Structures are given as C-alpha cells and as structure tokens.
Amino acid sequence: MMYLIAQQQADDLIPADSVLASLLINFPMVLLIAYALLFISALISILGSALSGGMKLVWVVVAFMAPFLGSLLWFVIGRGDARRRVVVR
C-alpha cells in the first residue's frame, strides 16, 4: 500500500519515463533486498563456522538484536576470529 502511494507521488513529481523516477521508486526496494541478503548471509556464515555452539549462539543473538550492525560486525570481526581459532587448534 505504502509502495503504491510512494510510486504515485513519484509519478506526480517526475515524468514516468525518466531514469530518475525509476531510481526513486526502486531504490528503497534495492536497499531492502541488500539488507536482507546481508543478514541472511551472515546467519548462514555464522551457523556454518567452526565456532563452538555457545559462540555461534552469541553471534546469532547479536545478529538478531542488531541485524545490520550485528551482520557487519560478524563479517569484520567474528569471521576472522573463527578462522584463527580453526588454525590454532
């Protein structure tokens, strides 16, 4: 419903055939899809890592409590830490 309202407002402001109108309408959807893919890929990466069950649980909780920040933290900090733990063992 809100998408249709936003699309109608964008159509009123900018001609429908312009590229800018298309970007205005589709950009939020692209961001939402990218956000969902980041979150889902972080969960798959966490669950597939060689960390112990307790550490996996901690990272999954962090990812669910702060989906964007938690996912970024996993890829920046946690994933490298999980690889180092495997090599050390």
PDB file of N, CA and C in Angstrom:
ATOM      1  N   MET A   1       0.827  -1.187   0.000  1.00  0.00           N
ATOM      2  CA  MET A   1       0.000   0.000   0.000  1.00  0.00           C
ATOM      3  C   MET A   1       0.873   1.254   0.000  1.00  0.00           C
ATOM      4  N   MET A   2       1.844   1.297   0.949  1.00  0.00           N
ATOM      5  CA  MET A   2       2.720   2.461   1.025  1.00  0.00           C
ATOM      6  C   MET A   2       3.578   2.573  -0.233  1.00  0.00           C
ATOM      7  N   TYR A   3       3.959   1.434  -0.785  1.00  0.00           N
ATOM      8  CA  TYR A   3       4.768   1.434  -2.003  1.00  0.00           C
ATOM      9  C   TYR A   3       3.990   2.073  -3.146  1.00  0.00           C
ATOM     10  N   LEU A   4       2.694   1.747  -3.228  1.00  0.00           N
ATOM     11  CA  LEU A   4       1.870   2.307  -4.301  1.00  0.00           C
ATOM     12  C   LEU A   4       1.679   3.806  -4.121  1.00  0.00           C
ATOM     13  N   ILE A   5       1.538   4.250  -2.871  1.00  0.00           N
ATOM     14  CA  ILE A   5       1.400   5.685  -2.611  1.00  0.00           C
ATOM     15  C   ILE A   5       2.685   6.407  -2.996  1.00  0.00           C
ATOM     16  N   ALA A   6       3.820   5.838  -2.597  1.00  0.00           N
ATOM     17  CA  ALA A   6       5.110   6.445  -2.937  1.00  0.00           C
ATOM     18  C   ALA A   6       5.311   6.467  -4.444  1.00  0.00           C
ATOM     19  N   GLN A   7       4.882   5.402  -5.107  1.00  0.00           N
ATOM     20  CA  GLN A   7       5.022   5.351  -6.563  1.00  0.00           C
ATOM     21  C   GLN A   7       4.143   6.416  -7.216  1.00  0.00           C
ATOM     22  N   GLN A   8       2.921   6.596  -6.714  1.00  0.00           N
ATOM     23  CA  GLN A   8       2.023   7.603  -7.271  1.00  0.00           C
ATOM     24  C   GLN A   8       2.587   8.999  -7.051  1.00  0.00           C
ATOM     25  N   GLN A   9       3.145   9.254  -5.857  1.00  0.00           N
ATOM     26  CA  GLN A   9       3.734  10.563  -5.577  1.00  0.00           C
ATOM     27  C   GLN A   9       4.941  10.811  -6.481  1.00  0.00           C
ATOM     28  N   ALA A  10       5.752   9.795  -6.695  1.00  0.00           N
ATOM     29  CA  ALA A  10       6.911   9.943  -7.574  1.00  0.00           C
ATOM     30  C   ALA A  10       6.467  10.190  -9.012  1.00  0.00           C
ATOM     31  N   ASP A  11       5.397   9.528  -9.426  1.00  0.00           N
ATOM     32  CA  ASP A  11       4.873   9.744 -10.777  1.00  0.00           C
ATOM     33  C   ASP A  11       4.352  11.165 -10.947  1.00  0.00           C
ATOM     34  N   ASP A  12       3.788  11.724  -9.874  1.00  0.00           N
ATOM     35  CA  ASP A  12       3.279  13.091  -9.950  1.00  0.00           C
ATOM     36  C   ASP A  12       4.416  14.104 -10.037  1.00  0.00           C
ATOM     37  N   LEU A  13       5.532  13.829  -9.382  1.00  0.00           N
ATOM     38  CA  LEU A  13       6.639  14.773  -9.339  1.00  0.00           C
ATOM     39  C   LEU A  13       7.550  14.696 -10.556  1.00  0.00           C
ATOM     40  N   ILE A  14       7.788  13.491 -11.051  1.00  0.00           N
ATOM     41  CA  ILE A  14       8.775  13.268 -12.107  1.00  0.00           C
ATOM     42  C   ILE A  14       8.112  12.472 -13.228  1.00  0.00           C
ATOM     43  N   PRO A  15       8.372  12.809 -14.458  1.00  0.00           N
ATOM     44  CA  PRO A  15       7.796  12.028 -15.562  1.00  0.00           C
ATOM     45  C   PRO A  15       8.167  10.548 -15.457  1.00  0.00           C
ATOM     46  N   ALA A  16       7.221   9.692 -15.776  1.00  0.00           N
ATOM     47  CA  ALA A  16       7.387   8.252 -15.591  1.00  0.00           C
ATOM     48  C   ALA A  16       8.481   7.667 -16.467  1.00  0.00           C
ATOM     49  N   ASP A  17       8.801   8.289 -17.568  1.00  0.00           N
ATOM     50  CA  ASP A  17       9.785   7.716 -18.482  1.00  0.00           C
ATOM     51  C   ASP A  17      11.222   8.086 -18.121  1.00  0.00           C
ATOM     52  N   SER A  18      11.407   8.890 -17.124  1.00  0.00           N
ATOM     53  CA  SER A  18      12.781   9.287 -16.790  1.00  0.00           C
ATOM     54  C   SER A  18      13.467   8.228 -15.929  1.00  0.00           C
ATOM     55  N   VAL A  19      14.737   8.162 -16.034  1.00  0.00           N
ATOM     56  CA  VAL A  19      15.545   7.220 -15.261  1.00  0.00           C
ATOM     57  C   VAL A  19      15.506   7.581 -13.781  1.00  0.00           C
ATOM     58  N   LEU A  20      15.478   8.849 -13.475  1.00  0.00           N
ATOM     59  CA  LEU A  20      15.442   9.293 -12.086  1.00  0.00           C
ATOM     60  C   LEU A  20      14.189   8.812 -11.381  1.00  0.00           C
ATOM     61  N   ALA A  21      13.067   8.814 -12.061  1.00  0.00           N
ATOM     62  CA  ALA A  21      11.818   8.318 -11.471  1.00  0.00           C
ATOM     63  C   ALA A  21      11.944   6.840 -11.141  1.00  0.00           C
ATOM     64  N   SER A  22      12.547   6.104 -12.022  1.00  0.00           N
ATOM     65  CA  SER A  22      12.741   4.681 -11.785  1.00  0.00           C
ATOM     66  C   SER A  22      13.628   4.439 -10.573  1.00  0.00           C
ATOM     67  N   LEU A  23      14.680   5.229 -10.455  1.00  0.00           N
ATOM     68  CA  LEU A  23      15.569   5.089  -9.301  1.00  0.00           C
ATOM     69  C   LEU A  23      14.865   5.463  -8.005  1.00  0.00           C
ATOM     70  N   LEU A  24      14.066   6.506  -8.021  1.00  0.00           N
ATOM     71  CA  LEU A  24      13.335   6.922  -6.826  1.00  0.00           C
ATOM     72  C   LEU A  24      12.372   5.841  -6.360  1.00  0.00           C
ATOM     73  N   ILE A  25      11.772   5.170  -7.285  1.00  0.00           N
ATOM     74  CA  ILE A  25      10.796   4.142  -6.941  1.00  0.00           C
ATOM     75  C   ILE A  25      11.487   2.851  -6.515  1.00  0.00           C
ATOM     76  N   ASN A  26      12.551   2.463  -7.197  1.00  0.00           N
ATOM     77  CA  ASN A  26      13.168   1.172  -6.964  1.00  0.00           C
ATOM     78  C   ASN A  26      14.284   1.178  -5.923  1.00  0.00           C
ATOM     79  N   PHE A  27      14.857   2.320  -5.610  1.00  0.00           N
ATOM     80  CA  PHE A  27      15.997   2.373  -4.700  1.00  0.00           C
ATOM     81  C   PHE A  27      15.690   1.824  -3.310  1.00  0.00           C
ATOM     82  N   PRO A  28      14.565   2.178  -2.687  1.00  0.00           N
ATOM     83  CA  PRO A  28      14.270   1.590  -1.370  1.00  0.00           C
ATOM     84  C   PRO A  28      14.138   0.070  -1.422  1.00  0.00           C
ATOM     85  N   MET A  29      13.580  -0.444  -2.494  1.00  0.00           N
ATOM     86  CA  MET A  29      13.432  -1.894  -2.618  1.00  0.00           C
ATOM     87  C   MET A  29      14.798  -2.564  -2.771  1.00  0.00           C
ATOM     88  N   VAL A  30      15.693  -1.950  -3.522  1.00  0.00           N
ATOM     89  CA  VAL A  30      17.047  -2.485  -3.691  1.00  0.00           C
ATOM     90  C   VAL A  30      17.781  -2.489  -2.354  1.00  0.00           C
ATOM     91  N   LEU A  31      17.641  -1.416  -1.586  1.00  0.00           N
ATOM     92  CA  LEU A  31      18.267  -1.361  -0.259  1.00  0.00           C
ATOM     93  C   LEU A  31      17.708  -2.436   0.665  1.00  0.00           C
ATOM     94  N   LEU A  32      16.407  -2.647   0.636  1.00  0.00           N
ATOM     95  CA  LEU A  32      15.784  -3.667   1.472  1.00  0.00           C
ATOM     96  C   LEU A  32      16.283  -5.059   1.102  1.00  0.00           C
ATOM     97  N   ILE A  33      16.398  -5.334  -0.166  1.00  0.00           N
ATOM     98  CA  ILE A  33      16.894  -6.641  -0.619  1.00  0.00           C
ATOM     99  C   ILE A  33      18.354  -6.827  -0.223  1.00  0.00           C
ATOM    100  N   ALA A  34      19.171  -5.786  -0.372  1.00  0.00           N
ATOM    101  CA  ALA A  34      20.583  -5.870   0.015  1.00  0.00           C
ATOM    102  C   ALA A  34      20.713  -6.098   1.520  1.00  0.00           C
ATOM    103  N   TYR A  35      19.890  -5.425   2.302  1.00  0.00           N
ATOM    104  CA  TYR A  35      19.882  -5.575   3.755  1.00  0.00           C
ATOM    105  C   TYR A  35      19.511  -7.008   4.144  1.00  0.00           C
ATOM    106  N   ALA A  36      18.480  -7.549   3.518  1.00  0.00           N
ATOM    107  CA  ALA A  36      18.049  -8.914   3.807  1.00  0.00           C
ATOM    108  C   ALA A  36      19.125  -9.925   3.410  1.00  0.00           C
ATOM    109  N   LEU A  37      19.767  -9.712   2.270  1.00  0.00           N
ATOM    110  CA  LEU A  37      20.834 -10.621   1.839  1.00  0.00           C
ATOM    111  C   LEU A  37      22.029 -10.577   2.783  1.00  0.00           C
ATOM    112  N   LEU A  38      22.380  -9.393   3.271  1.00  0.00           N
ATOM    113  CA  LEU A  38      23.471  -9.272   4.238  1.00  0.00           C
ATOM    114  C   LEU A  38      23.144 -10.043   5.500  1.00  0.00           C
ATOM    115  N   PHE A  39      21.937  -9.881   6.013  1.00  0.00           N
ATOM    116  CA  PHE A  39      21.525 -10.551   7.244  1.00  0.00           C
ATOM    117  C   PHE A  39      21.487 -12.071   7.065  1.00  0.00           C
ATOM    118  N   ILE A  40      20.886 -12.530   5.988  1.00  0.00           N
ATOM    119  CA  ILE A  40      20.775 -13.979   5.748  1.00  0.00           C
ATOM    120  C   ILE A  40      22.151 -14.592   5.514  1.00  0.00           C
ATOM    121  N   SER A  41      23.004 -13.914   4.760  1.00  0.00           N
ATOM    122  CA  SER A  41      24.352 -14.462   4.529  1.00  0.00           C
ATOM    123  C   SER A  41      25.164 -14.487   5.822  1.00  0.00           C
ATOM    124  N   ALA A  42      24.962 -13.513   6.699  1.00  0.00           N
ATOM    125  CA  ALA A  42      25.653 -13.531   7.985  1.00  0.00           C
ATOM    126  C   ALA A  42      25.183 -14.718   8.818  1.00  0.00           C
ATOM    127  N   LEU A  43      23.880 -14.974   8.859  1.00  0.00           N
ATOM    128  CA  LEU A  43      23.371 -16.117   9.624  1.00  0.00           C
ATOM    129  C   LEU A  43      23.904 -17.433   9.075  1.00  0.00           C
ATOM    130  N   ILE A  44      23.924 -17.577   7.764  1.00  0.00           N
ATOM    131  CA  ILE A  44      24.443 -18.809   7.157  1.00  0.00           C
ATOM    132  C   ILE A  44      25.930 -18.959   7.480  1.00  0.00           C
ATOM    133  N   SER A  45      26.675 -17.863   7.406  1.00  0.00           N
ATOM    134  CA  SER A  45      28.103 -17.898   7.694  1.00  0.00           C
ATOM    135  C   SER A  45      28.362 -18.226   9.164  1.00  0.00           C
ATOM    136  N   ILE A  46      27.572 -17.663  10.055  1.00  0.00           N
ATOM    137  CA  ILE A  46      27.732 -17.940  11.487  1.00  0.00           C
ATOM    138  C   ILE A  46      27.465 -19.410  11.769  1.00  0.00           C
ATOM    139  N   LEU A  47      26.356 -19.909  11.271  1.00  0.00           N
ATOM    140  CA  LEU A  47      25.986 -21.300  11.554  1.00  0.00           C
ATOM    141  C   LEU A  47      26.926 -22.296  10.886  1.00  0.00           C
ATOM    142  N   GLY A  48      27.563 -21.904   9.804  1.00  0.00           N
ATOM    143  CA  GLY A  48      28.496 -22.796   9.117  1.00  0.00           C
ATOM    144  C   GLY A  48      29.928 -22.679   9.589  1.00  0.00           C
ATOM    145  N   SER A  49      30.186 -21.777  10.531  1.00  0.00           N
ATOM    146  CA  SER A  49      31.560 -21.575  11.003  1.00  0.00           C
ATOM    147  C   SER A  49      31.976 -22.701  11.947  1.00  0.00           C
ATOM    148  N   ALA A  50      33.257 -22.733  12.248  1.00  0.00           N
ATOM    149  CA  ALA A  50      33.807 -23.770  13.108  1.00  0.00           C
ATOM    150  C   ALA A  50      33.796 -23.368  14.576  1.00  0.00           C
ATOM    151  N   LEU A  51      33.074 -22.330  14.933  1.00  0.00           N
ATOM    152  CA  LEU A  51      32.986 -21.905  16.323  1.00  0.00           C
ATOM    153  C   LEU A  51      32.215 -22.922  17.154  1.00  0.00           C
ATOM    154  N   SER A  52      32.382 -22.848  18.460  1.00  0.00           N
ATOM    155  CA  SER A  52      31.623 -23.722  19.347  1.00  0.00           C
ATOM    156  C   SER A  52      30.157 -23.307  19.332  1.00  0.00           C
ATOM    157  N   GLY A  53      29.314 -24.177  19.832  1.00  0.00           N
ATOM    158  CA  GLY A  53      27.882 -23.896  19.841  1.00  0.00           C
ATOM    159  C   GLY A  53      27.530 -22.645  20.624  1.00  0.00           C
ATOM    160  N   GLY A  54      28.220 -22.412  21.739  1.00  0.00           N
ATOM    161  CA  GLY A  54      27.964 -21.235  22.555  1.00  0.00           C
ATOM    162  C   GLY A  54      28.305 -19.940  21.831  1.00  0.00           C
ATOM    163  N   MET A  55      29.442 -19.926  21.151  1.00  0.00           N
ATOM    164  CA  MET A  55      29.835 -18.718  20.418  1.00  0.00           C
ATOM    165  C   MET A  55      28.928 -18.474  19.223  1.00  0.00           C
ATOM    166  N   LYS A  56      28.490 -19.550  18.578  1.00  0.00           N
ATOM    167  CA  LYS A  56      27.531 -19.381  17.482  1.00  0.00           C
ATOM    168  C   LYS A  56      26.247 -18.750  18.006  1.00  0.00           C
ATOM    169  N   LEU A  57      25.791 -19.216  19.167  1.00  0.00           N
ATOM    170  CA  LEU A  57      24.577 -18.671  19.762  1.00  0.00           C
ATOM    171  C   LEU A  57      24.743 -17.188  20.069  1.00  0.00           C
ATOM    172  N   VAL A  58      25.903 -16.810  20.600  1.00  0.00           N
ATOM    173  CA  VAL A  58      26.160 -15.395  20.899  1.00  0.00           C
ATOM    174  C   VAL A  58      26.084 -14.563  19.621  1.00  0.00           C
ATOM    175  N   TRP A  59      26.722 -15.011  18.557  1.00  0.00           N
ATOM    176  CA  TRP A  59      26.720 -14.252  17.306  1.00  0.00           C
ATOM    177  C   TRP A  59      25.326 -14.198  16.681  1.00  0.00           C
ATOM    178  N   VAL A  60      24.568 -15.275  16.765  1.00  0.00           N
ATOM    179  CA  VAL A  60      23.202 -15.260  16.226  1.00  0.00           C
ATOM    180  C   VAL A  60      22.338 -14.274  17.007  1.00  0.00           C
ATOM    181  N   VAL A  61      22.481 -14.247  18.341  1.00  0.00           N
ATOM    182  CA  VAL A  61      21.729 -13.298  19.161  1.00  0.00           C
ATOM    183  C   VAL A  61      22.118 -11.868  18.792  1.00  0.00           C
ATOM    184  N   VAL A  62      23.419 -11.614  18.624  1.00  0.00           N
ATOM    185  CA  VAL A  62      23.872 -10.277  18.222  1.00  0.00           C
ATOM    186  C   VAL A  62      23.286  -9.903  16.862  1.00  0.00           C
ATOM    187  N   ALA A  63      23.274 -10.849  15.941  1.00  0.00           N
ATOM    188  CA  ALA A  63      22.740 -10.579  14.601  1.00  0.00           C
ATOM    189  C   ALA A  63      21.246 -10.282  14.654  1.00  0.00           C
ATOM    190  N   PHE A  64      20.509 -10.962  15.533  1.00  0.00           N
ATOM    191  CA  PHE A  64      19.074 -10.703  15.626  1.00  0.00           C
ATOM    192  C   PHE A  64      18.755  -9.436  16.414  1.00  0.00           C
ATOM    193  N   MET A  65      19.567  -9.103  17.390  1.00  0.00           N
ATOM    194  CA  MET A  65      19.310  -7.908  18.195  1.00  0.00           C
ATOM    195  C   MET A  65      19.608  -6.627  17.401  1.00  0.00           C
ATOM    196  N   ALA A  66      20.648  -6.656  16.599  1.00  0.00           N
ATOM    197  CA  ALA A  66      21.013  -5.507  15.770  1.00  0.00           C
ATOM    198  C   ALA A  66      21.367  -6.043  14.387  1.00  0.00           C
ATOM    199  N   PRO A  67      20.364  -6.302  13.547  1.00  0.00           N
ATOM    200  CA  PRO A  67      20.606  -7.023  12.294  1.00  0.00           C
ATOM    201  C   PRO A  67      21.672  -6.403  11.392  1.00  0.00           C
ATOM    202  N   PHE A  68      21.634  -5.117  11.163  1.00  0.00           N
ATOM    203  CA  PHE A  68      22.616  -4.515  10.264  1.00  0.00           C
ATOM    204  C   PHE A  68      23.993  -4.476  10.924  1.00  0.00           C
ATOM    205  N   LEU A  69      24.068  -3.927  12.119  1.00  0.00           N
ATOM    206  CA  LEU A  69      25.340  -3.813  12.817  1.00  0.00           C
ATOM    207  C   LEU A  69      25.896  -5.184  13.188  1.00  0.00           C
ATOM    208  N   GLY A  70      25.040  -6.074  13.650  1.00  0.00           N
ATOM    209  CA  GLY A  70      25.493  -7.417  14.009  1.00  0.00           C
ATOM    210  C   GLY A  70      26.066  -8.175  12.826  1.00  0.00           C
ATOM    211  N   SER A  71      25.416  -8.035  11.673  1.00  0.00           N
ATOM    212  CA  SER A  71      25.912  -8.708  10.470  1.00  0.00           C
ATOM    213  C   SER A  71      27.249  -8.126  10.033  1.00  0.00           C
ATOM    214  N   LEU A  72      27.355  -6.804  10.065  1.00  0.00           N
ATOM    215  CA  LEU A  72      28.631  -6.178   9.710  1.00  0.00           C
ATOM    216  C   LEU A  72      29.736  -6.578  10.677  1.00  0.00           C
ATOM    217  N   LEU A  73      29.420  -6.587  11.970  1.00  0.00           N
ATOM    218  CA  LEU A  73      30.428  -6.987  12.960  1.00  0.00           C
ATOM    219  C   LEU A  73      30.879  -8.425  12.742  1.00  0.00           C
ATOM    220  N   TRP A  74      29.957  -9.297  12.371  1.00  0.00           N
ATOM    221  CA  TRP A  74      30.343 -10.683  12.108  1.00  0.00           C
ATOM    222  C   TRP A  74      31.357 -10.753  10.969  1.00  0.00           C
ATOM    223  N   PHE A  75      31.080 -10.058   9.878  1.00  0.00           N
ATOM    224  CA  PHE A  75      31.983 -10.139   8.732  1.00  0.00           C
ATOM    225  C   PHE A  75      33.303  -9.418   8.978  1.00  0.00           C
ATOM    226  N   VAL A  76      33.300  -8.378   9.810  1.00  0.00           N
ATOM    227  CA  VAL A  76      34.530  -7.630  10.075  1.00  0.00           C
ATOM    228  C   VAL A  76      35.360  -8.283  11.176  1.00  0.00           C
ATOM    229  N   ILE A  77      34.716  -8.710  12.260  1.00  0.00           N
ATOM    230  CA  ILE A  77      35.446  -9.209  13.437  1.00  0.00           C
ATOM    231  C   ILE A  77      35.296 -10.721  13.613  1.00  0.00           C
ATOM    232  N   GLY A  78      34.072 -11.183  13.670  1.00  0.00           N
ATOM    233  CA  GLY A  78      33.802 -12.568  14.051  1.00  0.00           C
ATOM    234  C   GLY A  78      34.285 -13.607  13.075  1.00  0.00           C
ATOM    235  N   ARG A  79      34.139 -13.348  11.814  1.00  0.00           N
ATOM    236  CA  ARG A  79      34.531 -14.338  10.810  1.00  0.00           C
ATOM    237  C   ARG A  79      36.036 -14.587  10.827  1.00  0.00           C
ATOM    238  N   GLY A  80      36.805 -13.518  10.940  1.00  0.00           N
ATOM    239  CA  GLY A  80      38.252 -13.671  11.023  1.00  0.00           C
ATOM    240  C   GLY A  80      38.671 -14.387  12.296  1.00  0.00           C
ATOM    241  N   ASP A  81      37.984 -14.090  13.391  1.00  0.00           N
ATOM    242  CA  ASP A  81      38.272 -14.747  14.657  1.00  0.00           C
ATOM    243  C   ASP A  81      37.957 -16.236  14.570  1.00  0.00           C
ATOM    244  N   ALA A  82      36.876 -16.594  13.878  1.00  0.00           N
ATOM    245  CA  ALA A  82      36.511 -18.002  13.719  1.00  0.00           C
ATOM    246  C   ALA A  82      37.572 -18.736  12.891  1.00  0.00           C
ATOM    247  N   ARG A  83      38.151 -18.074  11.895  1.00  0.00           N
ATOM    248  CA  ARG A  83      39.189 -18.701  11.081  1.00  0.00           C
ATOM    249  C   ARG A  83      40.478 -18.898  11.883  1.00  0.00           C
ATOM    250  N   ARG A  84      40.821 -17.906  12.717  1.00  0.00           N
ATOM    251  CA  ARG A  84      42.022 -18.034  13.544  1.00  0.00           C
ATOM    252  C   ARG A  84      41.892 -19.172  14.551  1.00  0.00           C
ATOM    253  N   ARG A  85      40.708 -19.355  15.106  1.00  0.00           N
ATOM    254  CA  ARG A  85      40.504 -20.425  16.081  1.00  0.00           C
ATOM    255  C   ARG A  85      40.686 -21.790  15.446  1.00  0.00           C
ATOM    256  N   VAL A  86      40.265 -21.939  14.193  1.00  0.00           N
ATOM    257  CA  VAL A  86      40.418 -23.210  13.500  1.00  0.00           C
ATOM    258  C   VAL A  86      41.891 -23.506  13.259  1.00  0.00           C
ATOM    259  N   VAL A  87      42.655 -22.505  12.870  1.00  0.00           N
ATOM    260  CA  VAL A  87      44.072 -22.696  12.573  1.00  0.00           C
ATOM    261  C   VAL A  87      44.850 -23.017  13.843  1.00  0.00           C
ATOM    262  N   VAL A  88      44.508 -22.381  14.958  1.00  0.00           N
ATOM    263  CA  VAL A  88      45.228 -22.577  16.209  1.00  0.00           C
ATOM    264  C   VAL A  88      45.008 -23.963  16.743  1.00  0.00           C
ATOM    265  N   ARG A  89      43.827 -24.512  16.612  1.00  0.00           N
ATOM    266  CA  ARG A  89      43.520 -25.839  17.156  1.00  0.00           C
ATOM    267  C   ARG A  89      44.289 -26.843  16.448  1.00  0.00           C
TER     268      ARG A  89
END
